[in-house]
Amino acid sequence: LLKDEISFNSAHQALADFESHFAGQFKLVTQNVDN
């Protein structure tokens, strides 16, 4: 997970961007253990 080539992709980014602008209640639940 700490390798330089491992990075978030556009799906991760889209979720973060949507959350930051969404006016309602938003919760992201993940089964993933990465960061």
PDB file of all heavy atoms in Angstrom:
ATOM      1  N   LEU A   1       0.820  -1.210   0.000  1.00  0.00           N
ATOM      2  CA  LEU A   1       0.000   0.000   0.000  1.00  0.00           C
ATOM      3  C   LEU A   1       0.853   1.259   0.000  1.00  0.00           C
ATOM      4  O   LEU A   1       0.431   2.298  -0.514  1.00  0.00           O
ATOM      5  CB  LEU A   1      -0.916  -0.017   1.231  1.00  0.00           C
ATOM      6  CG  LEU A   1      -1.941   1.109   1.361  1.00  0.00           C
ATOM      7  CD1 LEU A   1      -2.880   1.124   0.166  1.00  0.00           C
ATOM      8  CD2 LEU A   1      -2.729   0.936   2.659  1.00  0.00           C
ATOM      9  N   LEU A   2       2.058   1.169   0.540  1.00  0.00           N
ATOM     10  CA  LEU A   2       2.932   2.332   0.654  1.00  0.00           C
ATOM     11  C   LEU A   2       3.800   2.556  -0.590  1.00  0.00           C
ATOM     12  O   LEU A   2       4.559   3.517  -0.645  1.00  0.00           O
ATOM     13  CB  LEU A   2       3.828   2.179   1.888  1.00  0.00           C
ATOM     14  CG  LEU A   2       3.099   2.229   3.241  1.00  0.00           C
ATOM     15  CD1 LEU A   2       4.061   1.889   4.375  1.00  0.00           C
ATOM     16  CD2 LEU A   2       2.460   3.585   3.465  1.00  0.00           C
ATOM     17  N   LYS A   3       3.677   1.690  -1.586  1.00  0.00           N
ATOM     18  CA  LYS A   3       4.460   1.866  -2.805  1.00  0.00           C
ATOM     19  C   LYS A   3       4.051   3.147  -3.532  1.00  0.00           C
ATOM     20  O   LYS A   3       2.884   3.535  -3.538  1.00  0.00           O
ATOM     21  CB  LYS A   3       4.266   0.660  -3.734  1.00  0.00           C
ATOM     22  CG  LYS A   3       4.899  -0.626  -3.233  1.00  0.00           C
ATOM     23  CD  LYS A   3       4.651  -1.762  -4.214  1.00  0.00           C
ATOM     24  CE  LYS A   3       5.302  -3.055  -3.747  1.00  0.00           C
ATOM     25  NZ  LYS A   3       5.020  -4.186  -4.673  1.00  0.00           N
ATOM     26  N   ASP A   4       5.023   3.793  -4.144  1.00  0.00           N
ATOM     27  CA  ASP A   4       4.775   5.065  -4.825  1.00  0.00           C
ATOM     28  C   ASP A   4       3.726   4.931  -5.931  1.00  0.00           C
ATOM     29  O   ASP A   4       2.975   5.877  -6.194  1.00  0.00           O
ATOM     30  CB  ASP A   4       6.070   5.612  -5.425  1.00  0.00           C
ATOM     31  CG  ASP A   4       7.054   6.080  -4.360  1.00  0.00           C
ATOM     32  OD1 ASP A   4       6.610   6.337  -3.228  1.00  0.00           O
ATOM     33  OD2 ASP A   4       8.252   6.173  -4.674  1.00  0.00           O
ATOM     34  N   GLU A   5       3.685   3.767  -6.587  1.00  0.00           N
ATOM     35  CA  GLU A   5       2.777   3.613  -7.720  1.00  0.00           C
ATOM     36  C   GLU A   5       1.326   3.352  -7.307  1.00  0.00           C
ATOM     37  O   GLU A   5       0.422   3.351  -8.148  1.00  0.00           O
ATOM     38  CB  GLU A   5       3.251   2.485  -8.643  1.00  0.00           C
ATOM     39  CG  GLU A   5       3.307   1.103  -8.006  1.00  0.00           C
ATOM     40  CD  GLU A   5       4.680   0.789  -7.427  1.00  0.00           C
ATOM     41  OE1 GLU A   5       5.402   1.738  -7.054  1.00  0.00           O
ATOM     42  OE2 GLU A   5       5.019  -0.404  -7.353  1.00  0.00           O
ATOM     43  N   ILE A   6       1.089   3.123  -6.037  1.00  0.00           N
ATOM     44  CA  ILE A   6      -0.276   2.898  -5.557  1.00  0.00           C
ATOM     45  C   ILE A   6      -0.892   4.235  -5.173  1.00  0.00           C
ATOM     46  O   ILE A   6      -0.410   4.936  -4.291  1.00  0.00           O
ATOM     47  CB  ILE A   6      -0.300   1.940  -4.347  1.00  0.00           C
ATOM     48  CG1 ILE A   6       0.316   0.590  -4.719  1.00  0.00           C
ATOM     49  CG2 ILE A   6      -1.718   1.774  -3.835  1.00  0.00           C
ATOM     50  CD1 ILE A   6      -0.410  -0.143  -5.825  1.00  0.00           C
ATOM     51  N   SER A   7      -1.971   4.589  -5.858  1.00  0.00           N
ATOM     52  CA  SER A   7      -2.618   5.870  -5.599  1.00  0.00           C
ATOM     53  C   SER A   7      -4.111   5.753  -5.885  1.00  0.00           C
ATOM     54  O   SER A   7      -4.551   4.848  -6.607  1.00  0.00           O
ATOM     55  CB  SER A   7      -2.006   6.958  -6.480  1.00  0.00           C
ATOM     56  OG  SER A   7      -2.619   8.211  -6.239  1.00  0.00           O
ATOM     57  N   PHE A   8      -4.882   6.652  -5.318  1.00  0.00           N
ATOM     58  CA  PHE A   8      -6.318   6.652  -5.580  1.00  0.00           C
ATOM     59  C   PHE A   8      -6.581   6.929  -7.052  1.00  0.00           C
ATOM     60  O   PHE A   8      -5.776   7.557  -7.744  1.00  0.00           O
ATOM     61  CB  PHE A   8      -7.024   7.689  -4.694  1.00  0.00           C
ATOM     62  CG  PHE A   8      -6.544   9.102  -4.871  1.00  0.00           C
ATOM     63  CD1 PHE A   8      -7.094   9.921  -5.844  1.00  0.00           C
ATOM     64  CD2 PHE A   8      -5.547   9.619  -4.052  1.00  0.00           C
ATOM     65  CE1 PHE A   8      -6.668  11.237  -6.007  1.00  0.00           C
ATOM     66  CE2 PHE A   8      -5.121  10.937  -4.196  1.00  0.00           C
ATOM     67  CZ  PHE A   8      -5.677  11.733  -5.179  1.00  0.00           C
ATOM     68  N   ASN A   9      -7.734   6.459  -7.526  1.00  0.00           N
ATOM     69  CA  ASN A   9      -8.096   6.666  -8.919  1.00  0.00           C
ATOM     70  C   ASN A   9      -9.292   7.612  -9.030  1.00  0.00           C
ATOM     71  O   ASN A   9      -9.761   8.174  -8.033  1.00  0.00           O
ATOM     72  CB  ASN A   9      -8.354   5.321  -9.614  1.00  0.00           C
ATOM     73  CG  ASN A   9      -9.488   4.532  -8.963  1.00  0.00           C
ATOM     74  OD1 ASN A   9     -10.600   5.051  -8.808  1.00  0.00           O
ATOM     75  ND2 ASN A   9      -9.214   3.287  -8.585  1.00  0.00           N
ATOM     76  N   SER A  10      -9.803   7.788 -10.229  1.00  0.00           N
ATOM     77  CA  SER A  10     -10.855   8.775 -10.453  1.00  0.00           C
ATOM     78  C   SER A  10     -12.159   8.420  -9.750  1.00  0.00           C
ATOM     79  O   SER A  10     -12.976   9.309  -9.465  1.00  0.00           O
ATOM     80  CB  SER A  10     -11.104   8.954 -11.957  1.00  0.00           C
ATOM     81  OG  SER A  10     -11.466   7.729 -12.565  1.00  0.00           O
ATOM     82  N   ALA A  11     -12.387   7.136  -9.446  1.00  0.00           N
ATOM     83  CA  ALA A  11     -13.590   6.752  -8.708  1.00  0.00           C
ATOM     84  C   ALA A  11     -13.492   7.227  -7.261  1.00  0.00           C
ATOM     85  O   ALA A  11     -14.453   7.783  -6.709  1.00  0.00           O
ATOM     86  CB  ALA A  11     -13.785   5.241  -8.762  1.00  0.00           C
ATOM     87  N   HIS A  12     -12.337   7.005  -6.627  1.00  0.00           N
ATOM     88  CA  HIS A  12     -12.120   7.526  -5.279  1.00  0.00           C
ATOM     89  C   HIS A  12     -12.267   9.050  -5.257  1.00  0.00           C
ATOM     90  O   HIS A  12     -12.902   9.617  -4.364  1.00  0.00           O
ATOM     91  CB  HIS A  12     -10.709   7.173  -4.776  1.00  0.00           C
ATOM     92  CG  HIS A  12     -10.431   5.711  -4.626  1.00  0.00           C
ATOM     93  ND1 HIS A  12      -9.681   5.016  -5.539  1.00  0.00           N
ATOM     94  CD2 HIS A  12     -10.786   4.817  -3.658  1.00  0.00           C
ATOM     95  CE1 HIS A  12      -9.574   3.759  -5.144  1.00  0.00           C
ATOM     96  NE2 HIS A  12     -10.241   3.613  -4.012  1.00  0.00           N
ATOM     97  N   GLN A  13     -11.671   9.700  -6.239  1.00  0.00           N
ATOM     98  CA  GLN A  13     -11.700  11.161  -6.291  1.00  0.00           C
ATOM     99  C   GLN A  13     -13.119  11.679  -6.475  1.00  0.00           C
ATOM    100  O   GLN A  13     -13.525  12.670  -5.844  1.00  0.00           O
ATOM    101  CB  GLN A  13     -10.818  11.656  -7.437  1.00  0.00           C
ATOM    102  CG  GLN A  13     -10.666  13.169  -7.481  1.00  0.00           C
ATOM    103  CD  GLN A  13      -9.898  13.693  -6.284  1.00  0.00           C
ATOM    104  OE1 GLN A  13      -8.708  13.456  -6.162  1.00  0.00           O
ATOM    105  NE2 GLN A  13     -10.587  14.410  -5.388  1.00  0.00           N
ATOM    106  N   ALA A  14     -13.896  11.014  -7.337  1.00  0.00           N
ATOM    107  CA  ALA A  14     -15.266  11.457  -7.584  1.00  0.00           C
ATOM    108  C   ALA A  14     -16.112  11.364  -6.317  1.00  0.00           C
ATOM    109  O   ALA A  14     -16.940  12.240  -6.047  1.00  0.00           O
ATOM    110  CB  ALA A  14     -15.883  10.625  -8.705  1.00  0.00           C
ATOM    111  N   LEU A  15     -15.915  10.318  -5.523  1.00  0.00           N
ATOM    112  CA  LEU A  15     -16.657  10.170  -4.273  1.00  0.00           C
ATOM    113  C   LEU A  15     -16.294  11.281  -3.286  1.00  0.00           C
ATOM    114  O   LEU A  15     -17.169  11.851  -2.626  1.00  0.00           O
ATOM    115  CB  LEU A  15     -16.382   8.804  -3.656  1.00  0.00           C
ATOM    116  CG  LEU A  15     -17.058   7.620  -4.350  1.00  0.00           C
ATOM    117  CD1 LEU A  15     -16.446   6.306  -3.887  1.00  0.00           C
ATOM    118  CD2 LEU A  15     -18.562   7.627  -4.090  1.00  0.00           C
ATOM    119  N   ALA A  16     -15.013  11.568  -3.184  1.00  0.00           N
ATOM    120  CA  ALA A  16     -14.574  12.631  -2.278  1.00  0.00           C
ATOM    121  C   ALA A  16     -15.105  13.992  -2.724  1.00  0.00           C
ATOM    122  O   ALA A  16     -15.569  14.789  -1.901  1.00  0.00           O
ATOM    123  CB  ALA A  16     -13.047  12.656  -2.203  1.00  0.00           C
ATOM    124  N   ASP A  17     -15.061  14.251  -4.016  1.00  0.00           N
ATOM    125  CA  ASP A  17     -15.551  15.530  -4.533  1.00  0.00           C
ATOM    126  C   ASP A  17     -17.058  15.661  -4.325  1.00  0.00           C
ATOM    127  O   ASP A  17     -17.555  16.740  -3.947  1.00  0.00           O
ATOM    128  CB  ASP A  17     -15.225  15.666  -6.024  1.00  0.00           C
ATOM    129  CG  ASP A  17     -13.739  15.829  -6.286  1.00  0.00           C
ATOM    130  OD1 ASP A  17     -12.986  16.114  -5.326  1.00  0.00           O
ATOM    131  OD2 ASP A  17     -13.327  15.658  -7.454  1.00  0.00           O
ATOM    132  N   PHE A  18     -17.788  14.579  -4.566  1.00  0.00           N
ATOM    133  CA  PHE A  18     -19.238  14.623  -4.373  1.00  0.00           C
ATOM    134  C   PHE A  18     -19.569  14.913  -2.910  1.00  0.00           C
ATOM    135  O   PHE A  18     -20.423  15.758  -2.609  1.00  0.00           O
ATOM    136  CB  PHE A  18     -19.860  13.298  -4.803  1.00  0.00           C
ATOM    137  CG  PHE A  18     -21.358  13.278  -4.667  1.00  0.00           C
ATOM    138  CD1 PHE A  18     -22.159  13.762  -5.679  1.00  0.00           C
ATOM    139  CD2 PHE A  18     -21.967  12.777  -3.520  1.00  0.00           C
ATOM    140  CE1 PHE A  18     -23.553  13.760  -5.554  1.00  0.00           C
ATOM    141  CE2 PHE A  18     -23.339  12.773  -3.385  1.00  0.00           C
ATOM    142  CZ  PHE A  18     -24.142  13.263  -4.403  1.00  0.00           C
ATOM    143  N   GLU A  19     -18.900  14.216  -2.002  1.00  0.00           N
ATOM    144  CA  GLU A  19     -19.142  14.429  -0.573  1.00  0.00           C
ATOM    145  C   GLU A  19     -18.903  15.888  -0.176  1.00  0.00           C
ATOM    146  O   GLU A  19     -19.674  16.461   0.603  1.00  0.00           O
ATOM    147  CB  GLU A  19     -18.233  13.520   0.254  1.00  0.00           C
ATOM    148  CG  GLU A  19     -18.350  13.725   1.753  1.00  0.00           C
ATOM    149  CD  GLU A  19     -17.259  13.020   2.544  1.00  0.00           C
ATOM    150  OE1 GLU A  19     -16.571  12.137   1.985  1.00  0.00           O
ATOM    151  OE2 GLU A  19     -17.084  13.367   3.722  1.00  0.00           O
ATOM    152  N   SER A  20     -17.851  16.469  -0.699  1.00  0.00           N
ATOM    153  CA  SER A  20     -17.485  17.825  -0.291  1.00  0.00           C
ATOM    154  C   SER A  20     -18.510  18.868  -0.728  1.00  0.00           C
ATOM    155  O   SER A  20     -18.562  19.961  -0.156  1.00  0.00           O
ATOM    156  CB  SER A  20     -16.101  18.188  -0.852  1.00  0.00           C
ATOM    157  OG  SER A  20     -16.145  18.339  -2.261  1.00  0.00           O
ATOM    158  N   HIS A  21     -19.328  18.546  -1.731  1.00  0.00           N
ATOM    159  CA  HIS A  21     -20.307  19.511  -2.238  1.00  0.00           C
ATOM    160  C   HIS A  21     -21.752  19.126  -1.931  1.00  0.00           C
ATOM    161  O   HIS A  21     -22.661  19.925  -2.152  1.00  0.00           O
ATOM    162  CB  HIS A  21     -20.156  19.671  -3.762  1.00  0.00           C
ATOM    163  CG  HIS A  21     -18.876  20.298  -4.180  1.00  0.00           C
ATOM    164  ND1 HIS A  21     -17.764  19.560  -4.551  1.00  0.00           N
ATOM    165  CD2 HIS A  21     -18.499  21.595  -4.272  1.00  0.00           C
ATOM    166  CE1 HIS A  21     -16.778  20.385  -4.862  1.00  0.00           C
ATOM    167  NE2 HIS A  21     -17.186  21.614  -4.709  1.00  0.00           N
ATOM    168  N   PHE A  22     -21.973  17.908  -1.418  1.00  0.00           N
ATOM    169  CA  PHE A  22     -23.334  17.432  -1.191  1.00  0.00           C
ATOM    170  C   PHE A  22     -23.928  18.091   0.048  1.00  0.00           C
ATOM    171  O   PHE A  22     -23.317  18.103   1.115  1.00  0.00           O
ATOM    172  CB  PHE A  22     -23.326  15.909  -1.040  1.00  0.00           C
ATOM    173  CG  PHE A  22     -24.691  15.295  -0.877  1.00  0.00           C
ATOM    174  CD1 PHE A  22     -25.657  15.471  -1.855  1.00  0.00           C
ATOM    175  CD2 PHE A  22     -25.009  14.551   0.253  1.00  0.00           C
ATOM    176  CE1 PHE A  22     -26.924  14.907  -1.717  1.00  0.00           C
ATOM    177  CE2 PHE A  22     -26.264  13.985   0.406  1.00  0.00           C
ATOM    178  CZ  PHE A  22     -27.228  14.161  -0.581  1.00  0.00           C
ATOM    179  N   ALA A  23     -25.134  18.615  -0.092  1.00  0.00           N
ATOM    180  CA  ALA A  23     -25.748  19.369   0.998  1.00  0.00           C
ATOM    181  C   ALA A  23     -26.479  18.486   2.002  1.00  0.00           C
ATOM    182  O   ALA A  23     -26.761  18.914   3.124  1.00  0.00           O
ATOM    183  CB  ALA A  23     -26.720  20.402   0.434  1.00  0.00           C
ATOM    184  N   GLY A  24     -26.786  17.240   1.623  1.00  0.00           N
ATOM    185  CA  GLY A  24     -27.520  16.347   2.513  1.00  0.00           C
ATOM    186  C   GLY A  24     -26.600  15.501   3.369  1.00  0.00           C
ATOM    187  O   GLY A  24     -25.427  15.809   3.562  1.00  0.00           O
ATOM    188  N   GLN A  25     -27.156  14.402   3.883  1.00  0.00           N
ATOM    189  CA  GLN A  25     -26.369  13.475   4.701  1.00  0.00           C
ATOM    190  C   GLN A  25     -25.703  12.444   3.800  1.00  0.00           C
ATOM    191  O   GLN A  25     -26.354  11.846   2.939  1.00  0.00           O
ATOM    192  CB  GLN A  25     -27.265  12.777   5.727  1.00  0.00           C
ATOM    193  CG  GLN A  25     -26.497  11.810   6.634  1.00  0.00           C
ATOM    194  CD  GLN A  25     -27.334  11.322   7.800  1.00  0.00           C
ATOM    195  OE1 GLN A  25     -27.992  12.103   8.476  1.00  0.00           O
ATOM    196  NE2 GLN A  25     -27.320  10.013   8.036  1.00  0.00           N
ATOM    197  N   PHE A  26     -24.419  12.224   4.020  1.00  0.00           N
ATOM    198  CA  PHE A  26     -23.631  11.326   3.169  1.00  0.00           C
ATOM    199  C   PHE A  26     -22.737  10.468   4.057  1.00  0.00           C
ATOM    200  O   PHE A  26     -22.076  10.976   4.962  1.00  0.00           O
ATOM    201  CB  PHE A  26     -22.771  12.144   2.195  1.00  0.00           C
ATOM    202  CG  PHE A  26     -21.866  11.324   1.315  1.00  0.00           C
ATOM    203  CD1 PHE A  26     -22.265  10.934   0.050  1.00  0.00           C
ATOM    204  CD2 PHE A  26     -20.601  10.935   1.757  1.00  0.00           C
ATOM    205  CE1 PHE A  26     -21.422  10.178  -0.761  1.00  0.00           C
ATOM    206  CE2 PHE A  26     -19.754  10.184   0.957  1.00  0.00           C
ATOM    207  CZ  PHE A  26     -20.180   9.804  -0.311  1.00  0.00           C
ATOM    208  N   LYS A  27     -22.739   9.180   3.790  1.00  0.00           N
ATOM    209  CA  LYS A  27     -21.814   8.295   4.501  1.00  0.00           C
ATOM    210  C   LYS A  27     -21.245   7.268   3.518  1.00  0.00           C
ATOM    211  O   LYS A  27     -21.979   6.646   2.742  1.00  0.00           O
ATOM    212  CB  LYS A  27     -22.508   7.571   5.642  1.00  0.00           C
ATOM    213  CG  LYS A  27     -21.570   6.692   6.465  1.00  0.00           C
ATOM    214  CD  LYS A  27     -20.504   7.510   7.202  1.00  0.00           C
ATOM    215  CE  LYS A  27     -21.070   8.274   8.356  1.00  0.00           C
ATOM    216  NZ  LYS A  27     -20.016   8.916   9.190  1.00  0.00           N
ATOM    217  N   LEU A  28     -19.936   7.129   3.556  1.00  0.00           N
ATOM    218  CA  LEU A  28     -19.226   6.159   2.740  1.00  0.00           C
ATOM    219  C   LEU A  28     -18.784   5.004   3.635  1.00  0.00           C
ATOM    220  O   LEU A  28     -18.028   5.215   4.590  1.00  0.00           O
ATOM    221  CB  LEU A  28     -18.013   6.820   2.069  1.00  0.00           C
ATOM    222  CG  LEU A  28     -17.103   5.963   1.198  1.00  0.00           C
ATOM    223  CD1 LEU A  28     -17.882   5.311   0.065  1.00  0.00           C
ATOM    224  CD2 LEU A  28     -15.967   6.809   0.638  1.00  0.00           C
ATOM    225  N   VAL A  29     -19.284   3.817   3.357  1.00  0.00           N
ATOM    226  CA  VAL A  29     -18.916   2.614   4.100  1.00  0.00           C
ATOM    227  C   VAL A  29     -18.056   1.764   3.185  1.00  0.00           C
ATOM    228  O   VAL A  29     -18.462   1.459   2.059  1.00  0.00           O
ATOM    229  CB  VAL A  29     -20.165   1.822   4.530  1.00  0.00           C
ATOM    230  CG1 VAL A  29     -19.767   0.569   5.310  1.00  0.00           C
ATOM    231  CG2 VAL A  29     -21.099   2.678   5.366  1.00  0.00           C
ATOM    232  N   THR A  30     -16.879   1.384   3.626  1.00  0.00           N
ATOM    233  CA  THR A  30     -16.011   0.589   2.770  1.00  0.00           C
ATOM    234  C   THR A  30     -15.619  -0.724   3.423  1.00  0.00           C
ATOM    235  O   THR A  30     -15.384  -0.796   4.628  1.00  0.00           O
ATOM    236  CB  THR A  30     -14.748   1.368   2.357  1.00  0.00           C
ATOM    237  OG1 THR A  30     -13.993   0.593   1.413  1.00  0.00           O
ATOM    238  CG2 THR A  30     -13.864   1.699   3.558  1.00  0.00           C
ATOM    239  N   GLN A  31     -15.579  -1.747   2.598  1.00  0.00           N
ATOM    240  CA  GLN A  31     -15.055  -3.043   3.015  1.00  0.00           C
ATOM    241  C   GLN A  31     -13.537  -3.084   2.876  1.00  0.00           C
ATOM    242  O   GLN A  31     -12.892  -4.023   3.345  1.00  0.00           O
ATOM    243  CB  GLN A  31     -15.668  -4.158   2.166  1.00  0.00           C
ATOM    244  CG  GLN A  31     -17.167  -4.321   2.324  1.00  0.00           C
ATOM    245  CD  GLN A  31     -17.728  -5.316   1.331  1.00  0.00           C
ATOM    246  OE1 GLN A  31     -17.960  -4.992   0.164  1.00  0.00           O
ATOM    247  NE2 GLN A  31     -17.937  -6.537   1.777  1.00  0.00           N
ATOM    248  N   ASN A  32     -12.980  -2.071   2.225  1.00  0.00           N
ATOM    249  CA  ASN A  32     -11.552  -2.059   1.937  1.00  0.00           C
ATOM    250  C   ASN A  32     -10.736  -1.645   3.156  1.00  0.00           C
ATOM    251  O   ASN A  32     -11.163  -0.797   3.938  1.00  0.00           O
ATOM    252  CB  ASN A  32     -11.254  -1.119   0.777  1.00  0.00           C
ATOM    253  CG  ASN A  32     -11.957  -1.555  -0.496  1.00  0.00           C
ATOM    254  OD1 ASN A  32     -12.297  -2.724  -0.666  1.00  0.00           O
ATOM    255  ND2 ASN A  32     -12.198  -0.618  -1.392  1.00  0.00           N
ATOM    256  N   VAL A  33      -9.555  -2.208   3.276  1.00  0.00           N
ATOM    257  CA  VAL A  33      -8.673  -1.887   4.394  1.00  0.00           C
ATOM    258  C   VAL A  33      -7.549  -0.946   3.964  1.00  0.00           C
ATOM    259  O   VAL A  33      -6.681  -0.611   4.761  1.00  0.00           O
ATOM    260  CB  VAL A  33      -8.091  -3.168   5.034  1.00  0.00           C
ATOM    261  CG1 VAL A  33      -9.199  -4.010   5.636  1.00  0.00           C
ATOM    262  CG2 VAL A  33      -7.282  -3.988   4.037  1.00  0.00           C
ATOM    263  N   ASP A  34      -7.568  -0.513   2.701  1.00  0.00           N
ATOM    264  CA  ASP A  34      -6.568   0.448   2.233  1.00  0.00           C
ATOM    265  C   ASP A  34      -6.983   1.864   2.627  1.00  0.00           C
ATOM    266  O   ASP A  34      -8.063   2.088   3.181  1.00  0.00           O
ATOM    267  CB  ASP A  34      -6.365   0.326   0.717  1.00  0.00           C
ATOM    268  CG  ASP A  34      -7.646   0.606  -0.073  1.00  0.00           C
ATOM    269  OD1 ASP A  34      -8.194   1.717   0.052  1.00  0.00           O
ATOM    270  OD2 ASP A  34      -8.113  -0.275  -0.821  1.00  0.00           O
ATOM    271  N   ASN A  35      -6.119   2.831   2.322  1.00  0.00           N
ATOM    272  CA  ASN A  35      -6.357   4.234   2.697  1.00  0.00           C
ATOM    273  C   ASN A  35      -6.655   5.118   1.492  1.00  0.00           C
ATOM    274  O   ASN A  35      -6.511   6.340   1.563  1.00  0.00           O
ATOM    275  CB  ASN A  35      -5.132   4.792   3.431  1.00  0.00           C
ATOM    276  CG  ASN A  35      -3.914   4.913   2.520  1.00  0.00           C
ATOM    277  OD1 ASN A  35      -3.839   4.235   1.486  1.00  0.00           O
ATOM    278  ND2 ASN A  35      -2.972   5.761   2.891  1.00  0.00           N
TER     279      ASN A  35
END
